[in-house]
PDB file of N, CA and C in Angstrom:
ATOM      1  N   MET A   1      22.396 -46.991 -26.255  1.00  0.00           N
ATOM      2  CA  MET A   1      22.900 -46.193 -27.722  1.00  0.00           C
ATOM      3  C   MET A   1      22.118 -45.142 -28.065  1.00  0.00           C
ATOM      4  N   LYS A   2      20.718 -45.092 -27.372  1.00  0.00           N
ATOM      5  CA  LYS A   2      19.850 -43.657 -27.592  1.00  0.00           C
ATOM      6  C   LYS A   2      20.266 -42.733 -26.852  1.00  0.00           C
ATOM      7  N   THR A   3      20.807 -43.375 -25.550  1.00  0.00           N
ATOM      8  CA  THR A   3      21.172 -42.072 -24.359  1.00  0.00           C
ATOM      9  C   THR A   3      22.100 -41.572 -24.690  1.00  0.00           C
ATOM     10  N   LEU A   4      23.077 -42.497 -25.589  1.00  0.00           N
ATOM     11  CA  LEU A   4      24.317 -41.366 -26.021  1.00  0.00           C
ATOM     12  C   LEU A   4      24.347 -40.338 -27.368  1.00  0.00           C
ATOM     13  N   LEU A   5      22.859 -41.325 -27.997  1.00  0.00           N
ATOM     14  CA  LEU A   5      22.719 -39.888 -29.012  1.00  0.00           C
ATOM     15  C   LEU A   5      22.161 -38.970 -28.642  1.00  0.00           C
ATOM     16  N   TYR A   6      21.423 -39.102 -27.590  1.00  0.00           N
ATOM     17  CA  TYR A   6      20.081 -37.540 -27.290  1.00  0.00           C
ATOM     18  C   TYR A   6      21.575 -36.755 -26.172  1.00  0.00           C
ATOM     19  N   ILE A   7      22.722 -37.983 -25.306  1.00  0.00           N
ATOM     20  CA  ILE A   7      23.055 -36.774 -24.653  1.00  0.00           C
ATOM     21  C   ILE A   7      24.113 -35.931 -25.729  1.00  0.00           C
ATOM     22  N   ALA A   8      24.600 -36.673 -26.894  1.00  0.00           N
ATOM     23  CA  ALA A   8      25.628 -36.000 -27.770  1.00  0.00           C
ATOM     24  C   ALA A   8      24.676 -34.659 -28.423  1.00  0.00           C
ATOM     25  N   LEU A   9      23.609 -34.735 -28.974  1.00  0.00           N
ATOM     26  CA  LEU A   9      22.993 -34.030 -29.231  1.00  0.00           C
ATOM     27  C   LEU A   9      21.989 -33.001 -28.323  1.00  0.00           C
ATOM     28  N   LEU A  10      21.896 -32.961 -27.453  1.00  0.00           N
ATOM     29  CA  LEU A  10      21.943 -31.592 -26.151  1.00  0.00           C
ATOM     30  C   LEU A  10      23.134 -31.077 -26.169  1.00  0.00           C
ATOM     31  N   THR A  11      24.015 -31.712 -25.856  1.00  0.00           N
ATOM     32  CA  THR A  11      25.639 -31.207 -25.528  1.00  0.00           C
ATOM     33  C   THR A  11      25.979 -30.356 -27.219  1.00  0.00           C
ATOM     34  N   SER A  12      25.241 -30.746 -27.852  1.00  0.00           N
ATOM     35  CA  SER A  12      26.053 -29.769 -29.432  1.00  0.00           C
ATOM     36  C   SER A  12      24.825 -28.728 -29.540  1.00  0.00           C
ATOM     37  N   LEU A  13      23.663 -28.818 -29.049  1.00  0.00           N
ATOM     38  CA  LEU A  13      22.500 -27.719 -28.940  1.00  0.00           C
ATOM     39  C   LEU A  13      23.216 -27.035 -28.127  1.00  0.00           C
ATOM     40  N   THR A  14      23.643 -27.167 -26.789  1.00  0.00           N
ATOM     41  CA  THR A  14      24.242 -25.956 -25.630  1.00  0.00           C
ATOM     42  C   THR A  14      25.190 -25.606 -26.261  1.00  0.00           C
ATOM     43  N   ILE A  15      25.905 -26.191 -26.681  1.00  0.00           N
ATOM     44  CA  ILE A  15      27.315 -25.218 -27.228  1.00  0.00           C
ATOM     45  C   ILE A  15      27.069 -24.528 -28.207  1.00  0.00           C
ATOM     46  N   GLN A  16      26.228 -24.246 -28.831  1.00  0.00           N
ATOM     47  CA  GLN A  16      25.642 -23.454 -30.306  1.00  0.00           C
ATOM     48  C   GLN A  16      24.653 -22.579 -29.488  1.00  0.00           C
ATOM     49  N   VAL A  17      23.917 -21.996 -28.180  1.00  0.00           N
ATOM     50  CA  VAL A  17      23.098 -21.673 -27.868  1.00  0.00           C
ATOM     51  C   VAL A  17      23.747 -20.143 -27.132  1.00  0.00           C
ATOM     52  N   HIS A  18      23.626 -19.063 -27.735  1.00  0.00           N
ATOM     53  CA  HIS A  18      24.324 -17.903 -27.102  1.00  0.00           C
ATOM     54  C   HIS A  18      23.336 -17.175 -26.675  1.00  0.00           C
ATOM     55  N   ALA A  19      23.755 -16.271 -25.398  1.00  0.00           N
ATOM     56  CA  ALA A  19      23.034 -15.165 -24.623  1.00  0.00           C
ATOM     57  C   ALA A  19      22.926 -13.940 -25.828  1.00  0.00           C
ATOM     58  N   GLN A  20      21.982 -13.456 -25.976  1.00  0.00           N
ATOM     59  CA  GLN A  20      21.859 -12.208 -26.889  1.00  0.00           C
ATOM     60  C   GLN A  20      21.754 -10.831 -25.739  1.00  0.00           C
ATOM     61  N   GLU A  21      22.388 -10.041 -26.086  1.00  0.00           N
ATOM     62  CA  GLU A  21      22.427  -9.135 -25.355  1.00  0.00           C
ATOM     63  C   GLU A  21      21.695  -7.662 -26.273  1.00  0.00           C
ATOM     64  N   GLY A  22      21.238  -6.743 -25.346  1.00  0.00           N
ATOM     65  CA  GLY A  22      20.502  -5.840 -25.758  1.00  0.00           C
ATOM     66  C   GLY A  22      20.512  -4.564 -25.165  1.00  0.00           C
ATOM     67  N   THR A  23      19.920  -3.319 -25.620  1.00  0.00           N
ATOM     68  CA  THR A  23      19.534  -2.502 -24.456  1.00  0.00           C
ATOM     69  C   THR A  23      17.961  -1.700 -24.620  1.00  0.00           C
ATOM     70  N   VAL A  24      17.346  -1.352 -23.570  1.00  0.00           N
ATOM     71  CA  VAL A  24      15.981  -1.443 -23.291  1.00  0.00           C
ATOM     72  C   VAL A  24      16.152   0.582 -22.997  1.00  0.00           C
ATOM     73  N   SER A  25      15.368   1.253 -23.900  1.00  0.00           N
ATOM     74  CA  SER A  25      14.932   2.273 -23.660  1.00  0.00           C
ATOM     75  C   SER A  25      13.881   2.322 -23.058  1.00  0.00           C
ATOM     76  N   ILE A  26      13.459   3.595 -22.471  1.00  0.00           N
ATOM     77  CA  ILE A  26      12.209   3.933 -22.059  1.00  0.00           C
ATOM     78  C   ILE A  26      12.019   4.841 -22.429  1.00  0.00           C
ATOM     79  N   GLU A  27      10.567   5.434 -23.191  1.00  0.00           N
ATOM     80  CA  GLU A  27      10.377   6.698 -23.613  1.00  0.00           C
ATOM     81  C   GLU A  27       9.258   7.204 -22.674  1.00  0.00           C
ATOM     82  N   GLN A  28       9.098   8.522 -21.628  1.00  0.00           N
ATOM     83  CA  GLN A  28       8.200   8.375 -20.884  1.00  0.00           C
ATOM     84  C   GLN A  28       7.847  10.141 -21.155  1.00  0.00           C
ATOM     85  N   ASP A  29       6.942  10.244 -21.416  1.00  0.00           N
ATOM     86  CA  ASP A  29       6.213  11.479 -21.527  1.00  0.00           C
ATOM     87  C   ASP A  29       6.457  12.812 -19.947  1.00  0.00           C
ATOM     88  N   ALA A  30       6.712  13.222 -20.237  1.00  0.00           N
ATOM     89  CA  ALA A  30       7.046  14.516 -18.850  1.00  0.00           C
ATOM     90  C   ALA A  30       5.785  14.485 -18.093  1.00  0.00           C
ATOM     91  N   ARG A  31       4.988  14.612 -18.662  1.00  0.00           N
ATOM     92  CA  ARG A  31       3.642  15.149 -17.704  1.00  0.00           C
ATOM     93  C   ARG A  31       3.502  14.149 -16.797  1.00  0.00           C
ATOM     94  N   ILE A  32       3.848  12.554 -16.884  1.00  0.00           N
ATOM     95  CA  ILE A  32       3.738  11.718 -15.563  1.00  0.00           C
ATOM     96  C   ILE A  32       4.170  12.226 -14.429  1.00  0.00           C
ATOM     97  N   ASP A  33       5.637  12.790 -14.469  1.00  0.00           N
ATOM     98  CA  ASP A  33       5.969  13.395 -13.444  1.00  0.00           C
ATOM     99  C   ASP A  33       5.130  14.245 -12.831  1.00  0.00           C
ATOM    100  N   GLU A  34       4.514  15.031 -13.392  1.00  0.00           N
ATOM    101  CA  GLU A  34       3.829  16.127 -12.840  1.00  0.00           C
ATOM    102  C   GLU A  34       2.221  15.326 -12.107  1.00  0.00           C
ATOM    103  N   LEU A  35       2.089  14.514 -12.738  1.00  0.00           N
ATOM    104  CA  LEU A  35       0.885  13.784 -12.508  1.00  0.00           C
ATOM    105  C   LEU A  35       1.121  12.863 -11.305  1.00  0.00           C
ATOM    106  N   LEU A  36       2.191  12.036 -11.204  1.00  0.00           N
ATOM    107  CA  LEU A  36       2.579  11.756  -9.709  1.00  0.00           C
ATOM    108  C   LEU A  36       2.654  12.528  -8.755  1.00  0.00           C
ATOM    109  N   LYS A  37       3.211  13.704  -9.055  1.00  0.00           N
ATOM    110  CA  LYS A  37       3.392  14.982  -7.831  1.00  0.00           C
ATOM    111  C   LYS A  37       1.744  15.222  -7.283  1.00  0.00           C
ATOM    112  N   MET A  38       1.167  15.399  -8.321  1.00  0.00           N
ATOM    113  CA  MET A  38      -0.342  15.826  -7.896  1.00  0.00           C
ATOM    114  C   MET A  38      -1.375  14.705  -7.240  1.00  0.00           C
ATOM    115  N   TYR A  39      -1.013  13.480  -7.623  1.00  0.00           N
ATOM    116  CA  TYR A  39      -1.498  12.475  -7.102  1.00  0.00           C
ATOM    117  C   TYR A  39      -0.854  12.186  -5.653  1.00  0.00           C
ATOM    118  N   ALA A  40       0.515  12.671  -5.368  1.00  0.00           N
ATOM    119  CA  ALA A  40       1.052  12.844  -3.773  1.00  0.00           C
ATOM    120  C   ALA A  40       0.559  13.601  -3.107  1.00  0.00           C
ATOM    121  N   GLU A  41       0.090  14.993  -3.616  1.00  0.00           N
ATOM    122  CA  GLU A  41      -0.386  16.158  -2.792  1.00  0.00           C
ATOM    123  C   GLU A  41      -1.571  15.309  -2.719  1.00  0.00           C
ATOM    124  N   VAL A  42      -2.739  14.963  -3.382  1.00  0.00           N
ATOM    125  CA  VAL A  42      -4.057  14.704  -3.082  1.00  0.00           C
ATOM    126  C   VAL A  42      -4.389  13.681  -2.302  1.00  0.00           C
ATOM    127  N   ASN A  43      -3.611  12.710  -2.804  1.00  0.00           N
ATOM    128  CA  ASN A  43      -3.277  11.707  -1.208  1.00  0.00           C
ATOM    129  C   ASN A  43      -2.417  12.152  -0.208  1.00  0.00           C
ATOM    130  N   SER A  44      -1.851  13.064   0.449  1.00  0.00           N
ATOM    131  CA  SER A  44      -1.345  13.153   1.443  1.00  0.00           C
ATOM    132  C   SER A  44      -2.150  13.067   2.292  1.00  0.00           C
ATOM    133  N   LYS A  45      -1.285  12.615   3.438  1.00  0.00           N
ATOM    134  CA  LYS A  45      -2.070  12.928   4.869  1.00  0.00           C
ATOM    135  C   LYS A  45      -2.305  14.247   5.654  1.00  0.00           C
ATOM    136  N   SER A  46      -2.150  15.199   4.719  1.00  0.00           N
ATOM    137  CA  SER A  46      -2.071  16.228   5.623  1.00  0.00           C
ATOM    138  C   SER A  46      -2.942  16.998   5.653  1.00  0.00           C
ATOM    139  N   ASP A  47      -3.829  16.677   4.245  1.00  0.00           N
ATOM    140  CA  ASP A  47      -5.139  17.712   4.432  1.00  0.00           C
ATOM    141  C   ASP A  47      -6.598  16.888   4.616  1.00  0.00           C
ATOM    142  N   PHE A  48      -6.387  16.224   5.368  1.00  0.00           N
ATOM    143  CA  PHE A  48      -7.636  15.478   5.775  1.00  0.00           C
ATOM    144  C   PHE A  48      -7.406  15.016   7.703  1.00  0.00           C
ATOM    145  N   TYR A  49      -8.310  14.514   7.998  1.00  0.00           N
ATOM    146  CA  TYR A  49      -8.935  13.524   9.690  1.00  0.00           C
ATOM    147  C   TYR A  49      -8.846  12.557   9.473  1.00  0.00           C
ATOM    148  N   GLN A  50      -7.855  11.913  10.106  1.00  0.00           N
ATOM    149  CA  GLN A  50      -8.164  10.472  10.140  1.00  0.00           C
ATOM    150  C   GLN A  50      -8.556   9.959  11.881  1.00  0.00           C
ATOM    151  N   ILE A  51      -9.138   8.498  11.533  1.00  0.00           N
ATOM    152  CA  ILE A  51      -8.989   7.776  12.968  1.00  0.00           C
ATOM    153  C   ILE A  51      -7.888   6.983  13.123  1.00  0.00           C
ATOM    154  N   GLN A  52      -7.402   6.751  13.720  1.00  0.00           N
ATOM    155  CA  GLN A  52      -6.485   5.748  14.325  1.00  0.00           C
ATOM    156  C   GLN A  52      -6.980   5.167  15.251  1.00  0.00           C
ATOM    157  N   VAL A  53      -7.595   3.441  14.630  1.00  0.00           N
ATOM    158  CA  VAL A  53      -8.010   2.394  15.588  1.00  0.00           C
ATOM    159  C   VAL A  53      -7.362   1.305  16.367  1.00  0.00           C
ATOM    160  N   GLY A  54      -6.066   1.562  15.963  1.00  0.00           N
ATOM    161  CA  GLY A  54      -5.139   0.603  16.947  1.00  0.00           C
ATOM    162  C   GLY A  54      -3.711   0.939  16.389  1.00  0.00           C
ATOM    163  N   PHE A  55      -2.835  -0.142  16.866  1.00  0.00           N
ATOM    164  CA  PHE A  55      -1.374  -0.008  16.263  1.00  0.00           C
ATOM    165  C   PHE A  55      -0.882  -1.797  17.137  1.00  0.00           C
ATOM    166  N   GLY A  56       0.637  -1.855  16.740  1.00  0.00           N
ATOM    167  CA  GLY A  56       0.936  -2.997  16.953  1.00  0.00           C
ATOM    168  C   GLY A  56       1.824  -3.386  15.724  1.00  0.00           C
ATOM    169  N   SER A  57       1.964  -4.803  15.959  1.00  0.00           N
ATOM    170  CA  SER A  57       2.844  -5.939  15.261  1.00  0.00           C
ATOM    171  C   SER A  57       2.097  -5.757  13.799  1.00  0.00           C
ATOM    172  N   TYR A  58       2.676  -6.115  12.575  1.00  0.00           N
ATOM    173  CA  TYR A  58       2.129  -5.994  11.587  1.00  0.00           C
ATOM    174  C   TYR A  58       1.114  -6.934  11.147  1.00  0.00           C
ATOM    175  N   GLN A  59       1.040  -8.253  12.287  1.00  0.00           N
ATOM    176  CA  GLN A  59      -0.357  -9.192  12.219  1.00  0.00           C
ATOM    177  C   GLN A  59      -1.151  -8.634  12.884  1.00  0.00           C
ATOM    178  N   LYS A  60      -0.862  -8.216  13.955  1.00  0.00           N
ATOM    179  CA  LYS A  60      -2.000  -7.348  14.838  1.00  0.00           C
ATOM    180  C   LYS A  60      -2.707  -6.747  14.262  1.00  0.00           C
ATOM    181  N   ALA A  61      -2.060  -5.761  13.165  1.00  0.00           N
ATOM    182  CA  ALA A  61      -2.521  -4.332  12.432  1.00  0.00           C
ATOM    183  C   ALA A  61      -3.238  -5.201  11.304  1.00  0.00           C
ATOM    184  N   GLN A  62      -2.743  -6.516  10.498  1.00  0.00           N
ATOM    185  CA  GLN A  62      -4.069  -6.670   9.411  1.00  0.00           C
ATOM    186  C   GLN A  62      -4.868  -7.571   9.897  1.00  0.00           C
ATOM    187  N   ASN A  63      -4.708  -8.036  11.239  1.00  0.00           N
ATOM    188  CA  ASN A  63      -6.347  -8.394  11.710  1.00  0.00           C
ATOM    189  C   ASN A  63      -6.984  -7.908  12.143  1.00  0.00           C
ATOM    190  N   LEU A  64      -6.535  -6.196  12.529  1.00  0.00           N
ATOM    191  CA  LEU A  64      -7.439  -5.479  13.082  1.00  0.00           C
ATOM    192  C   LEU A  64      -8.218  -5.031  11.937  1.00  0.00           C
ATOM    193  N   LYS A  65      -6.991  -4.308  10.613  1.00  0.00           N
ATOM    194  CA  LYS A  65      -8.013  -3.723   9.726  1.00  0.00           C
ATOM    195  C   LYS A  65      -9.026  -4.732   8.849  1.00  0.00           C
ATOM    196  N   THR A  66      -8.482  -5.926   8.868  1.00  0.00           N
ATOM    197  CA  THR A  66      -9.673  -6.476   8.382  1.00  0.00           C
ATOM    198  C   THR A  66     -11.090  -6.739   8.808  1.00  0.00           C
ATOM    199  N   LYS A  67     -10.947  -6.615  10.042  1.00  0.00           N
ATOM    200  CA  LYS A  67     -11.911  -5.993  11.210  1.00  0.00           C
ATOM    201  C   LYS A  67     -12.815  -5.178  11.013  1.00  0.00           C
ATOM    202  N   VAL A  68     -12.117  -4.257  10.620  1.00  0.00           N
ATOM    203  CA  VAL A  68     -12.775  -2.835  10.419  1.00  0.00           C
ATOM    204  C   VAL A  68     -13.078  -2.458   9.206  1.00  0.00           C
ATOM    205  N   ASP A  69     -12.895  -3.163   8.226  1.00  0.00           N
ATOM    206  CA  ASP A  69     -12.737  -3.015   6.897  1.00  0.00           C
ATOM    207  C   ASP A  69     -14.432  -3.847   6.890  1.00  0.00           C
ATOM    208  N   ILE A  70     -14.703  -5.053   7.560  1.00  0.00           N
ATOM    209  CA  ILE A  70     -16.131  -5.529   8.043  1.00  0.00           C
ATOM    210  C   ILE A  70     -17.090  -4.970   8.704  1.00  0.00           C
ATOM    211  N   ASP A  71     -16.515  -3.713   9.859  1.00  0.00           N
ATOM    212  CA  ASP A  71     -17.414  -3.125  10.280  1.00  0.00           C
ATOM    213  C   ASP A  71     -17.895  -1.515   9.576  1.00  0.00           C
ATOM    214  N   PHE A  72     -17.010  -0.940   8.754  1.00  0.00           N
ATOM    215  CA  PHE A  72     -16.954   0.066   7.989  1.00  0.00           C
ATOM    216  C   PHE A  72     -16.519  -0.256   6.387  1.00  0.00           C
ATOM    217  N   PRO A  73     -17.090  -1.200   5.874  1.00  0.00           N
ATOM    218  CA  PRO A  73     -16.916  -1.614   4.462  1.00  0.00           C
ATOM    219  C   PRO A  73     -16.650  -0.230   3.308  1.00  0.00           C
ATOM    220  N   SER A  74     -17.185   0.334   3.512  1.00  0.00           N
ATOM    221  CA  SER A  74     -16.964   1.896   2.504  1.00  0.00           C
ATOM    222  C   SER A  74     -16.732   2.878   2.896  1.00  0.00           C
ATOM    223  N   TRP A  75     -15.635   2.822   3.805  1.00  0.00           N
ATOM    224  CA  TRP A  75     -14.834   3.754   4.381  1.00  0.00           C
ATOM    225  C   TRP A  75     -13.569   3.257   3.824  1.00  0.00           C
ATOM    226  N   TYR A  76     -12.235   4.069   3.472  1.00  0.00           N
ATOM    227  CA  TYR A  76     -11.006   4.039   3.488  1.00  0.00           C
ATOM    228  C   TYR A  76     -10.136   4.035   4.402  1.00  0.00           C
ATOM    229  N   SER A  77      -9.269   2.565   4.795  1.00  0.00           N
ATOM    230  CA  SER A  77      -8.558   2.051   5.515  1.00  0.00           C
ATOM    231  C   SER A  77      -7.257   1.497   5.062  1.00  0.00           C
ATOM    232  N   LYS A  78      -6.124   2.328   6.048  1.00  0.00           N
ATOM    233  CA  LYS A  78      -5.162   1.751   5.536  1.00  0.00           C
ATOM    234  C   LYS A  78      -4.199   1.334   6.693  1.00  0.00           C
ATOM    235  N   ILE A  79      -3.344   0.703   6.856  1.00  0.00           N
ATOM    236  CA  ILE A  79      -2.091   0.314   7.206  1.00  0.00           C
ATOM    237  C   ILE A  79      -0.873   0.848   6.814  1.00  0.00           C
ATOM    238  N   GLU A  80      -0.439   2.170   8.300  1.00  0.00           N
ATOM    239  CA  GLU A  80       0.886   2.798   7.778  1.00  0.00           C
ATOM    240  C   GLU A  80       2.045   2.388   8.948  1.00  0.00           C
ATOM    241  N   PHE A  81       2.819   2.314   8.435  1.00  0.00           N
ATOM    242  CA  PHE A  81       4.181   2.076   9.535  1.00  0.00           C
ATOM    243  C   PHE A  81       4.795   3.687   9.771  1.00  0.00           C
ATOM    244  N   GLU A  82       4.618   3.239  11.182  1.00  0.00           N
ATOM    245  CA  GLU A  82       5.372   4.824  11.753  1.00  0.00           C
ATOM    246  C   GLU A  82       6.297   4.159  13.132  1.00  0.00           C
ATOM    247  N   SER A  83       7.778   3.940  12.862  1.00  0.00           N
ATOM    248  CA  SER A  83       8.323   3.023  14.063  1.00  0.00           C
ATOM    249  C   SER A  83       8.059   3.355  15.206  1.00  0.00           C
ATOM    250  N   PRO A  84       8.117   2.503  15.727  1.00  0.00           N
ATOM    251  CA  PRO A  84       8.267   1.025  15.775  1.00  0.00           C
ATOM    252  C   PRO A  84       6.644   0.392  15.526  1.00  0.00           C
ATOM    253  N   THR A  85       6.229   0.463  15.016  1.00  0.00           N
ATOM    254  CA  THR A  85       5.057  -0.196  15.002  1.00  0.00           C
ATOM    255  C   THR A  85       4.138   0.474  13.865  1.00  0.00           C
ATOM    256  N   TYR A  86       2.927  -0.588  13.711  1.00  0.00           N
ATOM    257  CA  TYR A  86       2.072  -0.472  12.645  1.00  0.00           C
ATOM    258  C   TYR A  86       0.909   0.010  13.326  1.00  0.00           C
ATOM    259  N   ARG A  87       0.233   1.112  11.952  1.00  0.00           N
ATOM    260  CA  ARG A  87      -1.171   1.699  12.739  1.00  0.00           C
ATOM    261  C   ARG A  87      -2.348   1.609  11.586  1.00  0.00           C
ATOM    262  N   VAL A  88      -3.410   1.350  12.455  1.00  0.00           N
ATOM    263  CA  VAL A  88      -4.479   1.073  11.367  1.00  0.00           C
ATOM    264  C   VAL A  88      -5.153   2.451  11.115  1.00  0.00           C
ATOM    265  N   ARG A  89      -5.177   2.975  10.024  1.00  0.00           N
ATOM    266  CA  ARG A  89      -6.127   4.246  10.115  1.00  0.00           C
ATOM    267  C   ARG A  89      -7.273   4.241   9.605  1.00  0.00           C
ATOM    268  N   LEU A  90      -8.293   4.766   9.922  1.00  0.00           N
ATOM    269  CA  LEU A  90      -9.388   5.060   8.867  1.00  0.00           C
ATOM    270  C   LEU A  90      -9.898   6.091   8.459  1.00  0.00           C
ATOM    271  N   GLY A  91     -10.414   6.619   7.105  1.00  0.00           N
ATOM    272  CA  GLY A  91     -11.289   7.175   6.545  1.00  0.00           C
ATOM    273  C   GLY A  91     -10.208   8.699   6.530  1.00  0.00           C
ATOM    274  N   LYS A  92     -10.727   9.408   5.464  1.00  0.00           N
ATOM    275  CA  LYS A  92     -10.022  10.505   5.182  1.00  0.00           C
ATOM    276  C   LYS A  92     -11.152  11.881   5.063  1.00  0.00           C
ATOM    277  N   PHE A  93     -11.274  12.311   6.175  1.00  0.00           N
ATOM    278  CA  PHE A  93     -12.417  13.625   6.374  1.00  0.00           C
ATOM    279  C   PHE A  93     -11.814  14.768   6.200  1.00  0.00           C
ATOM    280  N   LYS A  94     -12.342  15.621   5.302  1.00  0.00           N
ATOM    281  CA  LYS A  94     -12.031  17.124   5.036  1.00  0.00           C
ATOM    282  C   LYS A  94     -12.311  17.926   6.140  1.00  0.00           C
ATOM    283  N   THR A  95     -13.499  18.174   6.926  1.00  0.00           N
ATOM    284  CA  THR A  95     -13.862  18.923   7.901  1.00  0.00           C
ATOM    285  C   THR A  95     -13.833  18.277   9.490  1.00  0.00           C
ATOM    286  N   LYS A  96     -13.261  19.252  10.316  1.00  0.00           N
ATOM    287  CA  LYS A  96     -13.553  18.772  11.275  1.00  0.00           C
ATOM    288  C   LYS A  96     -14.936  17.763  12.193  1.00  0.00           C
ATOM    289  N   LEU A  97     -16.559  18.549  11.276  1.00  0.00           N
ATOM    290  CA  LEU A  97     -17.139  18.107  12.191  1.00  0.00           C
ATOM    291  C   LEU A  97     -17.809  16.584  11.339  1.00  0.00           C
ATOM    292  N   GLU A  98     -17.465  16.340  10.278  1.00  0.00           N
ATOM    293  CA  GLU A  98     -17.595  15.249   9.710  1.00  0.00           C
ATOM    294  C   GLU A  98     -16.360  14.010  10.314  1.00  0.00           C
ATOM    295  N   ALA A  99     -15.591  14.804  10.872  1.00  0.00           N
ATOM    296  CA  ALA A  99     -14.051  13.522  11.344  1.00  0.00           C
ATOM    297  C   ALA A  99     -14.956  13.290  12.868  1.00  0.00           C
ATOM    298  N   TYR A 100     -15.217  14.173  13.669  1.00  0.00           N
ATOM    299  CA  TYR A 100     -15.776  13.736  14.868  1.00  0.00           C
ATOM    300  C   TYR A 100     -16.767  13.420  15.117  1.00  0.00           C
ATOM    301  N   ARG A 101     -18.401  13.310  13.973  1.00  0.00           N
ATOM    302  CA  ARG A 101     -18.986  12.112  13.926  1.00  0.00           C
ATOM    303  C   ARG A 101     -18.969  10.914  13.522  1.00  0.00           C
ATOM    304  N   LYS A 102     -17.719  10.598  12.564  1.00  0.00           N
ATOM    305  CA  LYS A 102     -17.061   9.585  12.042  1.00  0.00           C
ATOM    306  C   LYS A 102     -16.430   8.790  13.214  1.00  0.00           C
ATOM    307  N   PHE A 103     -15.960   9.515  13.663  1.00  0.00           N
ATOM    308  CA  PHE A 103     -14.972   9.586  15.356  1.00  0.00           C
ATOM    309  C   PHE A 103     -16.191   8.659  16.623  1.00  0.00           C
ATOM    310  N   GLU A 104     -17.415   9.027  16.728  1.00  0.00           N
ATOM    311  CA  GLU A 104     -17.591   9.385  17.826  1.00  0.00           C
ATOM    312  C   GLU A 104     -18.590   7.320  17.681  1.00  0.00           C
ATOM    313  N   GLU A 105     -19.264   7.333  16.089  1.00  0.00           N
ATOM    314  CA  GLU A 105     -19.482   6.204  15.478  1.00  0.00           C
ATOM    315  C   GLU A 105     -18.317   5.267  15.645  1.00  0.00           C
ATOM    316  N   VAL A 106     -16.969   5.384  15.512  1.00  0.00           N
ATOM    317  CA  VAL A 106     -16.156   4.220  15.551  1.00  0.00           C
ATOM    318  C   VAL A 106     -15.705   3.746  16.697  1.00  0.00           C
ATOM    319  N   ARG A 107     -15.645   4.817  17.855  1.00  0.00           N
ATOM    320  CA  ARG A 107     -15.656   4.198  18.817  1.00  0.00           C
ATOM    321  C   ARG A 107     -16.623   3.566  19.710  1.00  0.00           C
ATOM    322  N   LYS A 108     -17.584   3.735  19.585  1.00  0.00           N
ATOM    323  CA  LYS A 108     -18.877   2.591  20.039  1.00  0.00           C
ATOM    324  C   LYS A 108     -17.891   1.384  19.987  1.00  0.00           C
ATOM    325  N   LYS A 109     -17.636   0.969  18.662  1.00  0.00           N
ATOM    326  CA  LYS A 109     -16.887  -0.257  18.228  1.00  0.00           C
ATOM    327  C   LYS A 109     -14.924  -0.762  18.896  1.00  0.00           C
ATOM    328  N   TYR A 110     -14.427   0.846  18.678  1.00  0.00           N
ATOM    329  CA  TYR A 110     -13.571   0.776  18.917  1.00  0.00           C
ATOM    330  C   TYR A 110     -12.835   1.620  19.934  1.00  0.00           C
ATOM    331  N   PRO A 111     -12.971   1.521  21.421  1.00  0.00           N
ATOM    332  CA  PRO A 111     -12.995   2.772  22.215  1.00  0.00           C
ATOM    333  C   PRO A 111     -11.491   3.375  22.119  1.00  0.00           C
ATOM    334  N   GLU A 112     -10.410   2.677  21.994  1.00  0.00           N
ATOM    335  CA  GLU A 112      -9.137   3.104  22.028  1.00  0.00           C
ATOM    336  C   GLU A 112      -9.185   3.636  21.281  1.00  0.00           C
ATOM    337  N   ALA A 113      -9.737   4.152  19.798  1.00  0.00           N
ATOM    338  CA  ALA A 113      -9.647   4.846  18.809  1.00  0.00           C
ATOM    339  C   ALA A 113      -9.176   6.441  19.434  1.00  0.00           C
ATOM    340  N   ILE A 114      -8.067   6.614  18.414  1.00  0.00           N
ATOM    341  CA  ILE A 114      -8.504   8.243  18.127  1.00  0.00           C
ATOM    342  C   ILE A 114      -8.575   9.406  16.713  1.00  0.00           C
ATOM    343  N   LEU A 115      -8.934  10.322  17.270  1.00  0.00           N
ATOM    344  CA  LEU A 115      -9.091  11.021  16.221  1.00  0.00           C
ATOM    345  C   LEU A 115      -7.674  11.850  15.580  1.00  0.00           C
ATOM    346  N   LEU A 116      -7.072  11.744  14.643  1.00  0.00           N
ATOM    347  CA  LEU A 116      -5.806  12.942  14.068  1.00  0.00           C
ATOM    348  C   LEU A 116      -6.122  13.783  13.280  1.00  0.00           C
ATOM    349  N   LYS A 117      -5.744  14.774  13.538  1.00  0.00           N
ATOM    350  CA  LYS A 117      -5.875  15.963  13.019  1.00  0.00           C
ATOM    351  C   LYS A 117      -4.809  15.976  12.048  1.00  0.00           C
ATOM    352  N   PRO A 118      -5.278  16.855  10.995  1.00  0.00           N
ATOM    353  CA  PRO A 118      -4.313  17.066   9.651  1.00  0.00           C
ATOM    354  C   PRO A 118      -2.891  17.709  10.146  1.00  0.00           C
ATOM    355  N   GLU A 119      -1.675  17.592   9.079  1.00  0.00           N
ATOM    356  CA  GLU A 119      -0.620  18.228   9.626  1.00  0.00           C
ATOM    357  C   GLU A 119      -0.822  19.530   9.315  1.00  0.00           C
ATOM    358  N   GLU A 120       0.496  19.864  10.075  1.00  0.00           N
ATOM    359  CA  GLU A 120       0.012  21.581   9.701  1.00  0.00           C
ATOM    360  C   GLU A 120       1.143  21.918   8.638  1.00  0.00           C
ATOM    361  N   LYS A 121       0.922  22.547   7.987  1.00  0.00           N
ATOM    362  CA  LYS A 121       1.969  23.122   6.952  1.00  0.00           C
ATOM    363  C   LYS A 121       3.130  24.232   7.144  1.00  0.00           C
TER     364      LYS A 121
END
């Protein structure tokens, strides 16, 4: 008897529930687009030297990045996808001299590493 009462109560409640419709409008400051553009320029890889430590499958790149982060904890490191492989890159060096010095340090642990020059504009 109680089960029938509960079923009847739940059925009547679900019939009365209606989905609400609405619209969402987002007001965004126009300067946000400018900031995003500036951020992209500052972080573009065309302005600095990097050291590519290795490449391969995503799993291999993750494992390598973990090792690199342990070996060089204060340096910037990143996994980038360039078809068909994932590449582990280290550092953001503004000058060739700084990049070469760091490159020599990295090659002691990762002899396959290569120094990448900034892209020409």
